[in-house]
PDB file of N, CA and C in Angstrom:
ATOM      1  N   MET A   1       9.566 -14.553 -16.258  1.00  0.00           N
ATOM      2  CA  MET A   1      10.139 -15.872 -16.363  1.00  0.00           C
ATOM      3  C   MET A   1      11.593 -15.723 -16.820  1.00  0.00           C
ATOM      4  N   ASP A   2      12.478 -16.466 -16.192  1.00  0.00           N
ATOM      5  CA  ASP A   2      13.884 -16.369 -16.567  1.00  0.00           C
ATOM      6  C   ASP A   2      14.191 -17.282 -17.758  1.00  0.00           C
ATOM      7  N   ASN A   3      15.446 -17.341 -18.136  1.00  0.00           N
ATOM      8  CA  ASN A   3      15.865 -18.131 -19.299  1.00  0.00           C
ATOM      9  C   ASN A   3      15.650 -19.626 -19.129  1.00  0.00           C
ATOM     10  N   PHE A   4      15.497 -20.083 -17.877  1.00  0.00           N
ATOM     11  CA  PHE A   4      15.330 -21.505 -17.604  1.00  0.00           C
ATOM     12  C   PHE A   4      13.865 -21.886 -17.392  1.00  0.00           C
ATOM     13  N   GLY A   5      12.947 -20.924 -17.537  1.00  0.00           N
ATOM     14  CA  GLY A   5      11.526 -21.209 -17.382  1.00  0.00           C
ATOM     15  C   GLY A   5      11.025 -21.150 -15.947  1.00  0.00           C
ATOM     16  N   PHE A   6      11.786 -20.512 -15.053  1.00  0.00           N
ATOM     17  CA  PHE A   6      11.385 -20.404 -13.655  1.00  0.00           C
ATOM     18  C   PHE A   6      10.713 -19.064 -13.380  1.00  0.00           C
ATOM     19  N   LEU A   7       9.773 -19.073 -12.451  1.00  0.00           N
ATOM     20  CA  LEU A   7       9.121 -17.856 -11.966  1.00  0.00           C
ATOM     21  C   LEU A   7       9.524 -17.646 -10.517  1.00  0.00           C
ATOM     22  N   LYS A   8       9.578 -16.399 -10.105  1.00  0.00           N
ATOM     23  CA  LYS A   8       9.781 -16.115  -8.683  1.00  0.00           C
ATOM     24  C   LYS A   8       8.406 -15.875  -8.083  1.00  0.00           C
ATOM     25  N   VAL A   9       8.061 -16.659  -7.056  1.00  0.00           N
ATOM     26  CA  VAL A   9       6.755 -16.611  -6.409  1.00  0.00           C
ATOM     27  C   VAL A   9       6.962 -16.258  -4.936  1.00  0.00           C
ATOM     28  N   ALA A  10       6.031 -15.477  -4.371  1.00  0.00           N
ATOM     29  CA  ALA A  10       6.142 -15.085  -2.968  1.00  0.00           C
ATOM     30  C   ALA A  10       4.792 -15.190  -2.274  1.00  0.00           C
ATOM     31  N   ALA A  11       4.839 -15.400  -0.978  1.00  0.00           N
ATOM     32  CA  ALA A  11       3.652 -15.331  -0.130  1.00  0.00           C
ATOM     33  C   ALA A  11       3.804 -14.092   0.728  1.00  0.00           C
ATOM     34  N   ALA A  12       2.732 -13.320   0.852  1.00  0.00           N
ATOM     35  CA  ALA A  12       2.781 -12.078   1.620  1.00  0.00           C
ATOM     36  C   ALA A  12       1.642 -12.055   2.633  1.00  0.00           C
ATOM     37  N   VAL A  13       1.949 -11.619   3.827  1.00  0.00           N
ATOM     38  CA  VAL A  13       0.940 -11.509   4.880  1.00  0.00           C
ATOM     39  C   VAL A  13       0.959 -10.080   5.416  1.00  0.00           C
ATOM     40  N   PRO A  14       0.081  -9.224   4.889  1.00  0.00           N
ATOM     41  CA  PRO A  14       0.072  -7.830   5.322  1.00  0.00           C
ATOM     42  C   PRO A  14      -0.582  -7.673   6.698  1.00  0.00           C
ATOM     43  N   HIS A  15      -0.166  -6.637   7.409  1.00  0.00           N
ATOM     44  CA  HIS A  15      -0.843  -6.245   8.642  1.00  0.00           C
ATOM     45  C   HIS A  15      -2.158  -5.592   8.209  1.00  0.00           C
ATOM     46  N   VAL A  16      -3.285  -6.138   8.646  1.00  0.00           N
ATOM     47  CA  VAL A  16      -4.586  -5.620   8.215  1.00  0.00           C
ATOM     48  C   VAL A  16      -5.401  -5.145   9.405  1.00  0.00           C
ATOM     49  N   ARG A  17      -6.397  -4.323   9.098  1.00  0.00           N
ATOM     50  CA  ARG A  17      -7.377  -3.861  10.088  1.00  0.00           C
ATOM     51  C   ARG A  17      -8.741  -4.381   9.661  1.00  0.00           C
ATOM     52  N   VAL A  18      -9.457  -4.987  10.582  1.00  0.00           N
ATOM     53  CA  VAL A  18     -10.768  -5.556  10.272  1.00  0.00           C
ATOM     54  C   VAL A  18     -11.714  -4.461   9.801  1.00  0.00           C
ATOM     55  N   GLY A  19     -12.280  -4.650   8.608  1.00  0.00           N
ATOM     56  CA  GLY A  19     -13.266  -3.729   8.064  1.00  0.00           C
ATOM     57  C   GLY A  19     -12.708  -2.448   7.459  1.00  0.00           C
ATOM     58  N   ASP A  20     -11.394  -2.262   7.475  1.00  0.00           N
ATOM     59  CA  ASP A  20     -10.779  -1.040   6.924  1.00  0.00           C
ATOM     60  C   ASP A  20     -10.166  -1.368   5.563  1.00  0.00           C
ATOM     61  N   CYS A  21     -11.022  -1.466   4.553  1.00  0.00           N
ATOM     62  CA  CYS A  21     -10.584  -1.893   3.216  1.00  0.00           C
ATOM     63  C   CYS A  21      -9.584  -0.932   2.589  1.00  0.00           C
ATOM     64  N   ASP A  22      -9.733   0.356   2.827  1.00  0.00           N
ATOM     65  CA  ASP A  22      -8.796   1.327   2.257  1.00  0.00           C
ATOM     66  C   ASP A  22      -7.386   1.108   2.805  1.00  0.00           C
ATOM     67  N   PHE A  23      -7.268   0.975   4.120  1.00  0.00           N
ATOM     68  CA  PHE A  23      -5.965   0.720   4.744  1.00  0.00           C
ATOM     69  C   PHE A  23      -5.383  -0.595   4.235  1.00  0.00           C
ATOM     70  N   ASN A  24      -6.212  -1.625   4.205  1.00  0.00           N
ATOM     71  CA  ASN A  24      -5.748  -2.946   3.786  1.00  0.00           C
ATOM     72  C   ASN A  24      -5.290  -2.933   2.328  1.00  0.00           C
ATOM     73  N   ALA A  25      -6.028  -2.230   1.479  1.00  0.00           N
ATOM     74  CA  ALA A  25      -5.647  -2.141   0.063  1.00  0.00           C
ATOM     75  C   ALA A  25      -4.302  -1.438  -0.089  1.00  0.00           C
ATOM     76  N   GLU A  26      -4.070  -0.392   0.687  1.00  0.00           N
ATOM     77  CA  GLU A  26      -2.787   0.311   0.641  1.00  0.00           C
ATOM     78  C   GLU A  26      -1.645  -0.623   1.026  1.00  0.00           C
ATOM     79  N   ARG A  27      -1.839  -1.424   2.050  1.00  0.00           N
ATOM     80  CA  ARG A  27      -0.805  -2.362   2.501  1.00  0.00           C
ATOM     81  C   ARG A  27      -0.551  -3.434   1.441  1.00  0.00           C
ATOM     82  N   ILE A  28      -1.627  -3.936   0.825  1.00  0.00           N
ATOM     83  CA  ILE A  28      -1.492  -4.971  -0.199  1.00  0.00           C
ATOM     84  C   ILE A  28      -0.736  -4.416  -1.405  1.00  0.00           C
ATOM     85  N   VAL A  29      -1.103  -3.226  -1.847  1.00  0.00           N
ATOM     86  CA  VAL A  29      -0.427  -2.607  -2.995  1.00  0.00           C
ATOM     87  C   VAL A  29       1.044  -2.362  -2.677  1.00  0.00           C
ATOM     88  N   ALA A  30       1.335  -1.865  -1.491  1.00  0.00           N
ATOM     89  CA  ALA A  30       2.725  -1.604  -1.103  1.00  0.00           C
ATOM     90  C   ALA A  30       3.545  -2.885  -1.112  1.00  0.00           C
ATOM     91  N   MET A  31       2.969  -3.969  -0.596  1.00  0.00           N
ATOM     92  CA  MET A  31       3.694  -5.240  -0.577  1.00  0.00           C
ATOM     93  C   MET A  31       3.860  -5.803  -1.987  1.00  0.00           C
ATOM     94  N   ALA A  32       2.869  -5.629  -2.838  1.00  0.00           N
ATOM     95  CA  ALA A  32       2.968  -6.102  -4.220  1.00  0.00           C
ATOM     96  C   ALA A  32       4.049  -5.325  -4.972  1.00  0.00           C
ATOM     97  N   GLU A  33       4.119  -4.021  -4.747  1.00  0.00           N
ATOM     98  CA  GLU A  33       5.162  -3.204  -5.386  1.00  0.00           C
ATOM     99  C   GLU A  33       6.553  -3.607  -4.897  1.00  0.00           C
ATOM    100  N   GLN A  34       6.671  -3.859  -3.605  1.00  0.00           N
ATOM    101  CA  GLN A  34       7.957  -4.286  -3.048  1.00  0.00           C
ATOM    102  C   GLN A  34       8.373  -5.632  -3.647  1.00  0.00           C
ATOM    103  N   ALA A  35       7.423  -6.526  -3.782  1.00  0.00           N
ATOM    104  CA  ALA A  35       7.723  -7.834  -4.379  1.00  0.00           C
ATOM    105  C   ALA A  35       8.160  -7.669  -5.830  1.00  0.00           C
ATOM    106  N   ALA A  36       7.488  -6.805  -6.575  1.00  0.00           N
ATOM    107  CA  ALA A  36       7.845  -6.575  -7.983  1.00  0.00           C
ATOM    108  C   ALA A  36       9.266  -6.030  -8.103  1.00  0.00           C
ATOM    109  N   GLN A  37       9.656  -5.164  -7.179  1.00  0.00           N
ATOM    110  CA  GLN A  37      11.018  -4.620  -7.187  1.00  0.00           C
ATOM    111  C   GLN A  37      12.053  -5.714  -6.956  1.00  0.00           C
ATOM    112  N   ARG A  38      11.632  -6.775  -6.292  1.00  0.00           N
ATOM    113  CA  ARG A  38      12.540  -7.898  -6.012  1.00  0.00           C
ATOM    114  C   ARG A  38      12.461  -8.982  -7.092  1.00  0.00           C
ATOM    115  N   GLY A  39      11.711  -8.709  -8.144  1.00  0.00           N
ATOM    116  CA  GLY A  39      11.631  -9.652  -9.248  1.00  0.00           C
ATOM    117  C   GLY A  39      10.568 -10.721  -9.112  1.00  0.00           C
ATOM    118  N   VAL A  40       9.684 -10.563  -8.149  1.00  0.00           N
ATOM    119  CA  VAL A  40       8.608 -11.541  -7.946  1.00  0.00           C
ATOM    120  C   VAL A  40       7.550 -11.338  -9.024  1.00  0.00           C
ATOM    121  N   GLU A  41       7.092 -12.443  -9.608  1.00  0.00           N
ATOM    122  CA  GLU A  41       6.093 -12.369 -10.665  1.00  0.00           C
ATOM    123  C   GLU A  41       4.693 -12.767 -10.192  1.00  0.00           C
ATOM    124  N   ILE A  42       4.608 -13.571  -9.145  1.00  0.00           N
ATOM    125  CA  ILE A  42       3.318 -13.969  -8.579  1.00  0.00           C
ATOM    126  C   ILE A  42       3.399 -13.791  -7.067  1.00  0.00           C
ATOM    127  N   VAL A  43       2.426 -13.071  -6.493  1.00  0.00           N
ATOM    128  CA  VAL A  43       2.360 -12.879  -5.044  1.00  0.00           C
ATOM    129  C   VAL A  43       1.023 -13.416  -4.555  1.00  0.00           C
ATOM    130  N   ALA A  44       1.059 -14.269  -3.542  1.00  0.00           N
ATOM    131  CA  ALA A  44      -0.155 -14.819  -2.950  1.00  0.00           C
ATOM    132  C   ALA A  44      -0.411 -14.123  -1.618  1.00  0.00           C
ATOM    133  N   PHE A  45      -1.631 -13.625  -1.452  1.00  0.00           N
ATOM    134  CA  PHE A  45      -2.057 -12.986  -0.208  1.00  0.00           C
ATOM    135  C   PHE A  45      -3.106 -13.873   0.474  1.00  0.00           C
ATOM    136  N   PRO A  46      -3.293 -13.721   1.786  1.00  0.00           N
ATOM    137  CA  PRO A  46      -4.307 -14.520   2.480  1.00  0.00           C
ATOM    138  C   PRO A  46      -5.711 -14.220   1.953  1.00  0.00           C
ATOM    139  N   GLU A  47      -6.572 -15.210   2.049  1.00  0.00           N
ATOM    140  CA  GLU A  47      -7.959 -15.003   1.645  1.00  0.00           C
ATOM    141  C   GLU A  47      -8.582 -13.885   2.483  1.00  0.00           C
ATOM    142  N   LEU A  48      -9.398 -13.090   1.862  1.00  0.00           N
ATOM    143  CA  LEU A  48     -10.114 -11.988   2.509  1.00  0.00           C
ATOM    144  C   LEU A  48      -9.195 -10.961   3.183  1.00  0.00           C
ATOM    145  N   ALA A  49      -7.969 -10.831   2.695  1.00  0.00           N
ATOM    146  CA  ALA A  49      -7.048  -9.838   3.264  1.00  0.00           C
ATOM    147  C   ALA A  49      -7.581  -8.421   3.075  1.00  0.00           C
ATOM    148  N   LEU A  50      -8.340  -8.194   2.030  1.00  0.00           N
ATOM    149  CA  LEU A  50      -8.862  -6.856   1.763  1.00  0.00           C
ATOM    150  C   LEU A  50      -9.861  -6.413   2.828  1.00  0.00           C
ATOM    151  N   THR A  51     -10.685  -7.314   3.306  1.00  0.00           N
ATOM    152  CA  THR A  51     -11.675  -6.953   4.327  1.00  0.00           C
ATOM    153  C   THR A  51     -11.155  -7.165   5.745  1.00  0.00           C
ATOM    154  N   GLY A  52      -9.994  -7.738   5.893  1.00  0.00           N
ATOM    155  CA  GLY A  52      -9.477  -8.004   7.233  1.00  0.00           C
ATOM    156  C   GLY A  52     -10.012  -9.299   7.793  1.00  0.00           C
ATOM    157  N   TYR A  53     -10.285 -10.220   6.942  1.00  0.00           N
ATOM    158  CA  TYR A  53     -10.745 -11.576   7.148  1.00  0.00           C
ATOM    159  C   TYR A  53     -12.242 -11.702   7.284  1.00  0.00           C
ATOM    160  N   THR A  54     -12.842 -11.154   8.299  1.00  0.00           N
ATOM    161  CA  THR A  54     -14.284 -11.334   8.419  1.00  0.00           C
ATOM    162  C   THR A  54     -14.937 -10.116   9.050  1.00  0.00           C
ATOM    163  N   CYS A  55     -16.014  -9.705   8.513  1.00  0.00           N
ATOM    164  CA  CYS A  55     -16.753  -8.586   9.107  1.00  0.00           C
ATOM    165  C   CYS A  55     -17.520  -9.028  10.341  1.00  0.00           C
ATOM    166  N   ALA A  56     -17.634 -10.318  10.565  1.00  0.00           N
ATOM    167  CA  ALA A  56     -18.302 -10.819  11.765  1.00  0.00           C
ATOM    168  C   ALA A  56     -17.557 -10.373  13.024  1.00  0.00           C
ATOM    169  N   ASP A  57     -16.254 -10.106  12.894  1.00  0.00           N
ATOM    170  CA  ASP A  57     -15.473  -9.618  14.038  1.00  0.00           C
ATOM    171  C   ASP A  57     -15.961  -8.257  14.499  1.00  0.00           C
ATOM    172  N   LEU A  58     -16.651  -7.503  13.624  1.00  0.00           N
ATOM    173  CA  LEU A  58     -17.149  -6.182  13.987  1.00  0.00           C
ATOM    174  C   LEU A  58     -18.443  -6.255  14.776  1.00  0.00           C
ATOM    175  N   LEU A  59     -19.100  -7.392  14.724  1.00  0.00           N
ATOM    176  CA  LEU A  59     -20.437  -7.490  15.358  1.00  0.00           C
ATOM    177  C   LEU A  59     -20.366  -7.940  16.781  1.00  0.00           C
TER     178      LEU A  59
END
């Protein structure tokens, strides 16, 4: 938080692979680290970004 009480907030949309949680986690962590370097304090990711949205796509 800065001296005026403001936070820097970001929305991030990583490139994900359906069902590849390890790959998706790496992308999410990389984007979170990049945001932190830019002074972002809160980063919002899409729902189910870790699983690649839905495992039903695999069936």
